[in-house]
Amino acid sequence: MARIIDGEKKNLIGENVHKYRLQRRMSQQQLADKLETLAVYICRGSISRIEDRSRTVTDIETVGLAEVLGVSLDALFGR
């Protein structure tokens, strides 16, 4: 079944992923490498697309990103 996304932005967390990654002085590749240790496989290019909100993010990926970045899910969603 195809995913239906309204509008150009395909996720709600990309800007915060970018913000928290930079706060931790982590490159996109370093973030991808740390996610891999949790069995969450997102390549560097996909991290870039998440950050510019042109890629969707699964629930498993969202939990992994929050864990690696050391933030709550609420913080990742900007709450």
PDB file of N, CA and C in Angstrom:
ATOM      1  N   MET A   1       0.840  -1.180   0.000  1.00  0.00           N
ATOM      2  CA  MET A   1       0.000   0.000   0.000  1.00  0.00           C
ATOM      3  C   MET A   1       0.885   1.243   0.000  1.00  0.00           C
ATOM      4  N   ALA A   2       0.615   2.157  -0.856  1.00  0.00           N
ATOM      5  CA  ALA A   2       1.396   3.391  -0.963  1.00  0.00           C
ATOM      6  C   ALA A   2       1.098   4.301   0.220  1.00  0.00           C
ATOM      7  N   ARG A   3       2.115   5.024   0.621  1.00  0.00           N
ATOM      8  CA  ARG A   3       1.937   6.023   1.676  1.00  0.00           C
ATOM      9  C   ARG A   3       1.389   7.298   1.050  1.00  0.00           C
ATOM     10  N   ILE A   4       0.432   7.892   1.717  1.00  0.00           N
ATOM     11  CA  ILE A   4      -0.141   9.138   1.219  1.00  0.00           C
ATOM     12  C   ILE A   4       0.310  10.268   2.138  1.00  0.00           C
ATOM     13  N   ILE A   5       1.066  11.182   1.585  1.00  0.00           N
ATOM     14  CA  ILE A   5       1.586  12.316   2.340  1.00  0.00           C
ATOM     15  C   ILE A   5       1.050  13.582   1.695  1.00  0.00           C
ATOM     16  N   ASP A   6       0.381  14.397   2.468  1.00  0.00           N
ATOM     17  CA  ASP A   6      -0.153  15.656   1.963  1.00  0.00           C
ATOM     18  C   ASP A   6       0.924  16.734   2.047  1.00  0.00           C
ATOM     19  N   GLY A   7       1.219  17.393   0.970  1.00  0.00           N
ATOM     20  CA  GLY A   7       2.178  18.485   0.984  1.00  0.00           C
ATOM     21  C   GLY A   7       3.593  18.023   0.701  1.00  0.00           C
ATOM     22  N   GLU A   8       4.516  18.969   0.772  1.00  0.00           N
ATOM     23  CA  GLU A   8       5.915  18.702   0.442  1.00  0.00           C
ATOM     24  C   GLU A   8       6.688  18.088   1.589  1.00  0.00           C
ATOM     25  N   LYS A   9       6.366  18.436   2.816  1.00  0.00           N
ATOM     26  CA  LYS A   9       7.107  17.956   3.975  1.00  0.00           C
ATOM     27  C   LYS A   9       6.620  16.569   4.363  1.00  0.00           C
ATOM     28  N   LYS A  10       7.562  15.633   4.485  1.00  0.00           N
ATOM     29  CA  LYS A  10       7.182  14.242   4.701  1.00  0.00           C
ATOM     30  C   LYS A  10       7.431  13.747   6.123  1.00  0.00           C
ATOM     31  N   ASN A  11       7.878  14.619   7.011  1.00  0.00           N
ATOM     32  CA  ASN A  11       8.002  14.235   8.416  1.00  0.00           C
ATOM     33  C   ASN A  11       7.904  15.473   9.292  1.00  0.00           C
ATOM     34  N   LEU A  12       7.711  15.250  10.570  1.00  0.00           N
ATOM     35  CA  LEU A  12       7.576  16.355  11.526  1.00  0.00           C
ATOM     36  C   LEU A  12       8.846  16.607  12.333  1.00  0.00           C
ATOM     37  N   ILE A  13       9.833  15.705  12.237  1.00  0.00           N
ATOM     38  CA  ILE A  13      10.968  15.762  13.161  1.00  0.00           C
ATOM     39  C   ILE A  13      12.275  16.216  12.539  1.00  0.00           C
ATOM     40  N   GLY A  14      12.318  16.365  11.232  1.00  0.00           N
ATOM     41  CA  GLY A  14      13.584  16.626  10.536  1.00  0.00           C
ATOM     42  C   GLY A  14      14.362  17.821  11.053  1.00  0.00           C
ATOM     43  N   GLU A  15      13.677  18.928  11.273  1.00  0.00           N
ATOM     44  CA  GLU A  15      14.377  20.128  11.756  1.00  0.00           C
ATOM     45  C   GLU A  15      14.984  19.892  13.133  1.00  0.00           C
ATOM     46  N   ASN A  16      14.278  19.147  13.986  1.00  0.00           N
ATOM     47  CA  ASN A  16      14.804  18.878  15.320  1.00  0.00           C
ATOM     48  C   ASN A  16      15.924  17.841  15.294  1.00  0.00           C
ATOM     49  N   VAL A  17      15.852  16.869  14.399  1.00  0.00           N
ATOM     50  CA  VAL A  17      16.970  15.935  14.233  1.00  0.00           C
ATOM     51  C   VAL A  17      18.224  16.726  13.885  1.00  0.00           C
ATOM     52  N   HIS A  18      18.102  17.642  12.948  1.00  0.00           N
ATOM     53  CA  HIS A  18      19.236  18.476  12.539  1.00  0.00           C
ATOM     54  C   HIS A  18      19.757  19.308  13.720  1.00  0.00           C
ATOM     55  N   LYS A  19      18.855  19.954  14.430  1.00  0.00           N
ATOM     56  CA  LYS A  19      19.239  20.804  15.561  1.00  0.00           C
ATOM     57  C   LYS A  19      19.978  20.005  16.632  1.00  0.00           C
ATOM     58  N   TYR A  20      19.403  18.883  17.050  1.00  0.00           N
ATOM     59  CA  TYR A  20      20.028  18.093  18.123  1.00  0.00           C
ATOM     60  C   TYR A  20      21.323  17.440  17.664  1.00  0.00           C
ATOM     61  N   ARG A  21      21.397  17.037  16.403  1.00  0.00           N
ATOM     62  CA  ARG A  21      22.646  16.455  15.888  1.00  0.00           C
ATOM     63  C   ARG A  21      23.765  17.490  15.939  1.00  0.00           C
ATOM     64  N   LEU A  22      23.477  18.706  15.514  1.00  0.00           N
ATOM     65  CA  LEU A  22      24.502  19.762  15.543  1.00  0.00           C
ATOM     66  C   LEU A  22      24.881  20.126  16.976  1.00  0.00           C
ATOM     67  N   GLN A  23      23.909  20.155  17.882  1.00  0.00           N
ATOM     68  CA  GLN A  23      24.207  20.447  19.294  1.00  0.00           C
ATOM     69  C   GLN A  23      25.183  19.427  19.868  1.00  0.00           C
ATOM     70  N   ARG A  24      25.097  18.189  19.378  1.00  0.00           N
ATOM     71  CA  ARG A  24      25.974  17.129  19.866  1.00  0.00           C
ATOM     72  C   ARG A  24      27.258  17.018  19.043  1.00  0.00           C
ATOM     73  N   ARG A  25      27.433  17.957  18.112  1.00  0.00           N
ATOM     74  CA  ARG A  25      28.626  18.001  17.251  1.00  0.00           C
ATOM     75  C   ARG A  25      28.864  16.661  16.569  1.00  0.00           C
ATOM     76  N   MET A  26      27.791  16.157  16.000  1.00  0.00           N
ATOM     77  CA  MET A  26      27.794  14.847  15.367  1.00  0.00           C
ATOM     78  C   MET A  26      27.558  15.038  13.870  1.00  0.00           C
ATOM     79  N   SER A  27      28.326  14.350  13.060  1.00  0.00           N
ATOM     80  CA  SER A  27      28.094  14.397  11.617  1.00  0.00           C
ATOM     81  C   SER A  27      26.928  13.473  11.270  1.00  0.00           C
ATOM     82  N   GLN A  28      26.417  13.631  10.069  1.00  0.00           N
ATOM     83  CA  GLN A  28      25.354  12.733   9.621  1.00  0.00           C
ATOM     84  C   GLN A  28      25.850  11.297   9.592  1.00  0.00           C
ATOM     85  N   GLN A  29      27.094  11.094   9.190  1.00  0.00           N
ATOM     86  CA  GLN A  29      27.657   9.740   9.149  1.00  0.00           C
ATOM     87  C   GLN A  29      27.788   9.165  10.557  1.00  0.00           C
ATOM     88  N   GLN A  30      28.222   9.982  11.507  1.00  0.00           N
ATOM     89  CA  GLN A  30      28.325   9.509  12.891  1.00  0.00           C
ATOM     90  C   GLN A  30      26.954   9.119  13.435  1.00  0.00           C
ATOM     91  N   LEU A  31      25.925   9.898  13.110  1.00  0.00           N
ATOM     92  CA  LEU A  31      24.569   9.564  13.530  1.00  0.00           C
ATOM     93  C   LEU A  31      24.139   8.240  12.906  1.00  0.00           C
ATOM     94  N   ALA A  32      24.383   8.065  11.627  1.00  0.00           N
ATOM     95  CA  ALA A  32      24.039   6.811  10.947  1.00  0.00           C
ATOM     96  C   ALA A  32      24.769   5.631  11.591  1.00  0.00           C
ATOM     97  N   ASP A  33      26.046   5.811  11.921  1.00  0.00           N
ATOM     98  CA  ASP A  33      26.840   4.742  12.541  1.00  0.00           C
ATOM     99  C   ASP A  33      26.288   4.370  13.913  1.00  0.00           C
ATOM    100  N   LYS A  34      25.916   5.369  14.716  1.00  0.00           N
ATOM    101  CA  LYS A  34      25.365   5.097  16.053  1.00  0.00           C
ATOM    102  C   LYS A  34      23.999   4.416  15.961  1.00  0.00           C
ATOM    103  N   LEU A  35      23.191   4.800  14.981  1.00  0.00           N
ATOM    104  CA  LEU A  35      21.904   4.142  14.782  1.00  0.00           C
ATOM    105  C   LEU A  35      22.095   2.669  14.440  1.00  0.00           C
ATOM    106  N   GLU A  36      23.136   2.376  13.661  1.00  0.00           N
ATOM    107  CA  GLU A  36      23.401   1.001  13.261  1.00  0.00           C
ATOM    108  C   GLU A  36      23.659   0.103  14.470  1.00  0.00           C
ATOM    109  N   THR A  37      24.243   0.644  15.520  1.00  0.00           N
ATOM    110  CA  THR A  37      24.488  -0.157  16.733  1.00  0.00           C
ATOM    111  C   THR A  37      23.181  -0.551  17.415  1.00  0.00           C
ATOM    112  N   LEU A  38      22.093   0.137  17.085  1.00  0.00           N
ATOM    113  CA  LEU A  38      20.761  -0.197  17.614  1.00  0.00           C
ATOM    114  C   LEU A  38      19.950  -1.005  16.596  1.00  0.00           C
ATOM    115  N   ALA A  39      20.607  -1.434  15.509  1.00  0.00           N
ATOM    116  CA  ALA A  39      19.948  -2.161  14.421  1.00  0.00           C
ATOM    117  C   ALA A  39      18.900  -1.294  13.718  1.00  0.00           C
ATOM    118  N   VAL A  40      19.175   0.005  13.659  1.00  0.00           N
ATOM    119  CA  VAL A  40      18.358   0.947  12.898  1.00  0.00           C
ATOM    120  C   VAL A  40      19.242   1.413  11.743  1.00  0.00           C
ATOM    121  N   TYR A  41      18.907   0.993  10.546  1.00  0.00           N
ATOM    122  CA  TYR A  41      19.783   1.217   9.405  1.00  0.00           C
ATOM    123  C   TYR A  41      19.272   2.372   8.545  1.00  0.00           C
ATOM    124  N   ILE A  42      19.886   3.524   8.751  1.00  0.00           N
ATOM    125  CA  ILE A  42      19.591   4.717   7.952  1.00  0.00           C
ATOM    126  C   ILE A  42      20.935   5.220   7.437  1.00  0.00           C
ATOM    127  N   CYS A  43      21.105   5.277   6.119  1.00  0.00           N
ATOM    128  CA  CYS A  43      22.376   5.736   5.561  1.00  0.00           C
ATOM    129  C   CYS A  43      22.508   7.251   5.717  1.00  0.00           C
ATOM    130  N   ARG A  44      23.712   7.760   5.511  1.00  0.00           N
ATOM    131  CA  ARG A  44      23.977   9.189   5.652  1.00  0.00           C
ATOM    132  C   ARG A  44      23.075  10.013   4.739  1.00  0.00           C
ATOM    133  N   GLY A  45      22.882   9.555   3.518  1.00  0.00           N
ATOM    134  CA  GLY A  45      22.027  10.286   2.586  1.00  0.00           C
ATOM    135  C   GLY A  45      20.585  10.362   3.064  1.00  0.00           C
ATOM    136  N   SER A  46      20.124   9.298   3.682  1.00  0.00           N
ATOM    137  CA  SER A  46      18.762   9.306   4.215  1.00  0.00           C
ATOM    138  C   SER A  46      18.645  10.219   5.424  1.00  0.00           C
ATOM    139  N   ILE A  47      19.711  10.319   6.226  1.00  0.00           N
ATOM    140  CA  ILE A  47      19.717  11.283   7.339  1.00  0.00           C
ATOM    141  C   ILE A  47      19.526  12.692   6.772  1.00  0.00           C
ATOM    142  N   SER A  48      20.232  12.986   5.696  1.00  0.00           N
ATOM    143  CA  SER A  48      20.108  14.292   5.057  1.00  0.00           C
ATOM    144  C   SER A  48      18.673  14.543   4.602  1.00  0.00           C
ATOM    145  N   ARG A  49      18.065  13.535   3.990  1.00  0.00           N
ATOM    146  CA  ARG A  49      16.688  13.690   3.507  1.00  0.00           C
ATOM    147  C   ARG A  49      15.680  13.780   4.656  1.00  0.00           C
ATOM    148  N   ILE A  50      15.965  13.116   5.768  1.00  0.00           N
ATOM    149  CA  ILE A  50      15.102  13.269   6.946  1.00  0.00           C
ATOM    150  C   ILE A  50      15.194  14.709   7.430  1.00  0.00           C
ATOM    151  N   GLU A  51      16.416  15.223   7.530  1.00  0.00           N
ATOM    152  CA  GLU A  51      16.616  16.578   8.039  1.00  0.00           C
ATOM    153  C   GLU A  51      15.974  17.641   7.145  1.00  0.00           C
ATOM    154  N   ASP A  52      15.972  17.420   5.834  1.00  0.00           N
ATOM    155  CA  ASP A  52      15.325  18.418   4.974  1.00  0.00           C
ATOM    156  C   ASP A  52      13.847  18.085   4.729  1.00  0.00           C
ATOM    157  N   ARG A  53      13.378  17.075   5.444  1.00  0.00           N
ATOM    158  CA  ARG A  53      11.972  16.668   5.490  1.00  0.00           C
ATOM    159  C   ARG A  53      11.446  16.151   4.152  1.00  0.00           C
ATOM    160  N   SER A  54      12.342  15.623   3.324  1.00  0.00           N
ATOM    161  CA  SER A  54      11.909  15.060   2.049  1.00  0.00           C
ATOM    162  C   SER A  54      11.783  13.538   2.113  1.00  0.00           C
ATOM    163  N   ARG A  55      11.985  12.951   3.295  1.00  0.00           N
ATOM    164  CA  ARG A  55      11.867  11.502   3.490  1.00  0.00           C
ATOM    165  C   ARG A  55      10.994  11.235   4.701  1.00  0.00           C
ATOM    166  N   THR A  56      10.148  10.222   4.587  1.00  0.00           N
ATOM    167  CA  THR A  56       9.357   9.814   5.738  1.00  0.00           C
ATOM    168  C   THR A  56      10.255   9.100   6.746  1.00  0.00           C
ATOM    169  N   VAL A  57       9.764   8.987   7.979  1.00  0.00           N
ATOM    170  CA  VAL A  57      10.512   8.334   9.049  1.00  0.00           C
ATOM    171  C   VAL A  57       9.580   7.328   9.709  1.00  0.00           C
ATOM    172  N   THR A  58      10.053   6.088   9.863  1.00  0.00           N
ATOM    173  CA  THR A  58       9.226   5.076  10.514  1.00  0.00           C
ATOM    174  C   THR A  58       9.244   5.270  12.027  1.00  0.00           C
ATOM    175  N   ASP A  59       8.324   4.617  12.707  1.00  0.00           N
ATOM    176  CA  ASP A  59       8.288   4.709  14.162  1.00  0.00           C
ATOM    177  C   ASP A  59       9.561   4.147  14.776  1.00  0.00           C
ATOM    178  N   ILE A  60      10.082   3.048  14.247  1.00  0.00           N
ATOM    179  CA  ILE A  60      11.317   2.451  14.763  1.00  0.00           C
ATOM    180  C   ILE A  60      12.485   3.414  14.576  1.00  0.00           C
ATOM    181  N   GLU A  61      12.560   4.054  13.417  1.00  0.00           N
ATOM    182  CA  GLU A  61      13.622   5.027  13.166  1.00  0.00           C
ATOM    183  C   GLU A  61      13.508   6.217  14.111  1.00  0.00           C
ATOM    184  N   THR A  62      12.286   6.661  14.371  1.00  0.00           N
ATOM    185  CA  THR A  62      12.068   7.806  15.268  1.00  0.00           C
ATOM    186  C   THR A  62      12.553   7.492  16.676  1.00  0.00           C
ATOM    187  N   VAL A  63      12.225   6.313  17.166  1.00  0.00           N
ATOM    188  CA  VAL A  63      12.676   5.909  18.508  1.00  0.00           C
ATOM    189  C   VAL A  63      14.199   5.822  18.531  1.00  0.00           C
ATOM    190  N   GLY A  64      14.802   5.253  17.502  1.00  0.00           N
ATOM    191  CA  GLY A  64      16.260   5.162  17.434  1.00  0.00           C
ATOM    192  C   GLY A  64      16.922   6.526  17.391  1.00  0.00           C
ATOM    193  N   LEU A  65      16.376   7.437  16.619  1.00  0.00           N
ATOM    194  CA  LEU A  65      16.934   8.791  16.545  1.00  0.00           C
ATOM    195  C   LEU A  65      16.866   9.478  17.898  1.00  0.00           C
ATOM    196  N   ALA A  66      15.739   9.354  18.584  1.00  0.00           N
ATOM    197  CA  ALA A  66      15.609   9.972  19.912  1.00  0.00           C
ATOM    198  C   ALA A  66      16.642   9.386  20.873  1.00  0.00           C
ATOM    199  N   GLU A  67      16.805   8.065  20.839  1.00  0.00           N
ATOM    200  CA  GLU A  67      17.759   7.426  21.748  1.00  0.00           C
ATOM    201  C   GLU A  67      19.193   7.867  21.472  1.00  0.00           C
ATOM    202  N   VAL A  68      19.595   7.836  20.212  1.00  0.00           N
ATOM    203  CA  VAL A  68      20.971   8.208  19.863  1.00  0.00           C
ATOM    204  C   VAL A  68      21.227   9.689  20.156  1.00  0.00           C
ATOM    205  N   LEU A  69      20.249  10.524  19.909  1.00  0.00           N
ATOM    206  CA  LEU A  69      20.421  11.959  20.148  1.00  0.00           C
ATOM    207  C   LEU A  69      20.235  12.324  21.626  1.00  0.00           C
ATOM    208  N   GLY A  70      19.762  11.372  22.430  1.00  0.00           N
ATOM    209  CA  GLY A  70      19.617  11.610  23.861  1.00  0.00           C
ATOM    210  C   GLY A  70      18.501  12.567  24.213  1.00  0.00           C
ATOM    211  N   VAL A  71      17.407  12.495  23.454  1.00  0.00           N
ATOM    212  CA  VAL A  71      16.259  13.367  23.705  1.00  0.00           C
ATOM    213  C   VAL A  71      14.994  12.515  23.794  1.00  0.00           C
ATOM    214  N   SER A  72      13.968  13.081  24.374  1.00  0.00           N
ATOM    215  CA  SER A  72      12.688  12.385  24.439  1.00  0.00           C
ATOM    216  C   SER A  72      11.990  12.467  23.088  1.00  0.00           C
ATOM    217  N   LEU A  73      11.021  11.585  22.903  1.00  0.00           N
ATOM    218  CA  LEU A  73      10.214  11.664  21.689  1.00  0.00           C
ATOM    219  C   LEU A  73       9.481  12.997  21.626  1.00  0.00           C
ATOM    220  N   ASP A  74       9.007  13.478  22.772  1.00  0.00           N
ATOM    221  CA  ASP A  74       8.336  14.780  22.801  1.00  0.00           C
ATOM    222  C   ASP A  74       9.266  15.888  22.302  1.00  0.00           C
ATOM    223  N   ALA A  75      10.517  15.863  22.742  1.00  0.00           N
ATOM    224  CA  ALA A  75      11.477  16.883  22.297  1.00  0.00           C
ATOM    225  C   ALA A  75      11.720  16.769  20.790  1.00  0.00           C
ATOM    226  N   LEU A  76      11.830  15.530  20.303  1.00  0.00           N
ATOM    227  CA  LEU A  76      12.063  15.337  18.876  1.00  0.00           C
ATOM    228  C   LEU A  76      10.898  15.896  18.053  1.00  0.00           C
ATOM    229  N   PHE A  77       9.685  15.791  18.604  1.00  0.00           N
ATOM    230  CA  PHE A  77       8.510  16.329  17.925  1.00  0.00           C
ATOM    231  C   PHE A  77       8.275  17.800  18.246  1.00  0.00           C
ATOM    232  N   GLY A  78       9.149  18.404  19.035  1.00  0.00           N
ATOM    233  CA  GLY A  78       9.046  19.827  19.323  1.00  0.00           C
ATOM    234  C   GLY A  78       7.985  20.186  20.343  1.00  0.00           C
ATOM    235  N   ARG A  79       7.668  19.252  21.196  1.00  0.00           N
ATOM    236  CA  ARG A  79       6.638  19.495  22.220  1.00  0.00           C
ATOM    237  C   ARG A  79       7.265  19.921  23.519  1.00  0.00           C
TER     238      ARG A  79
END
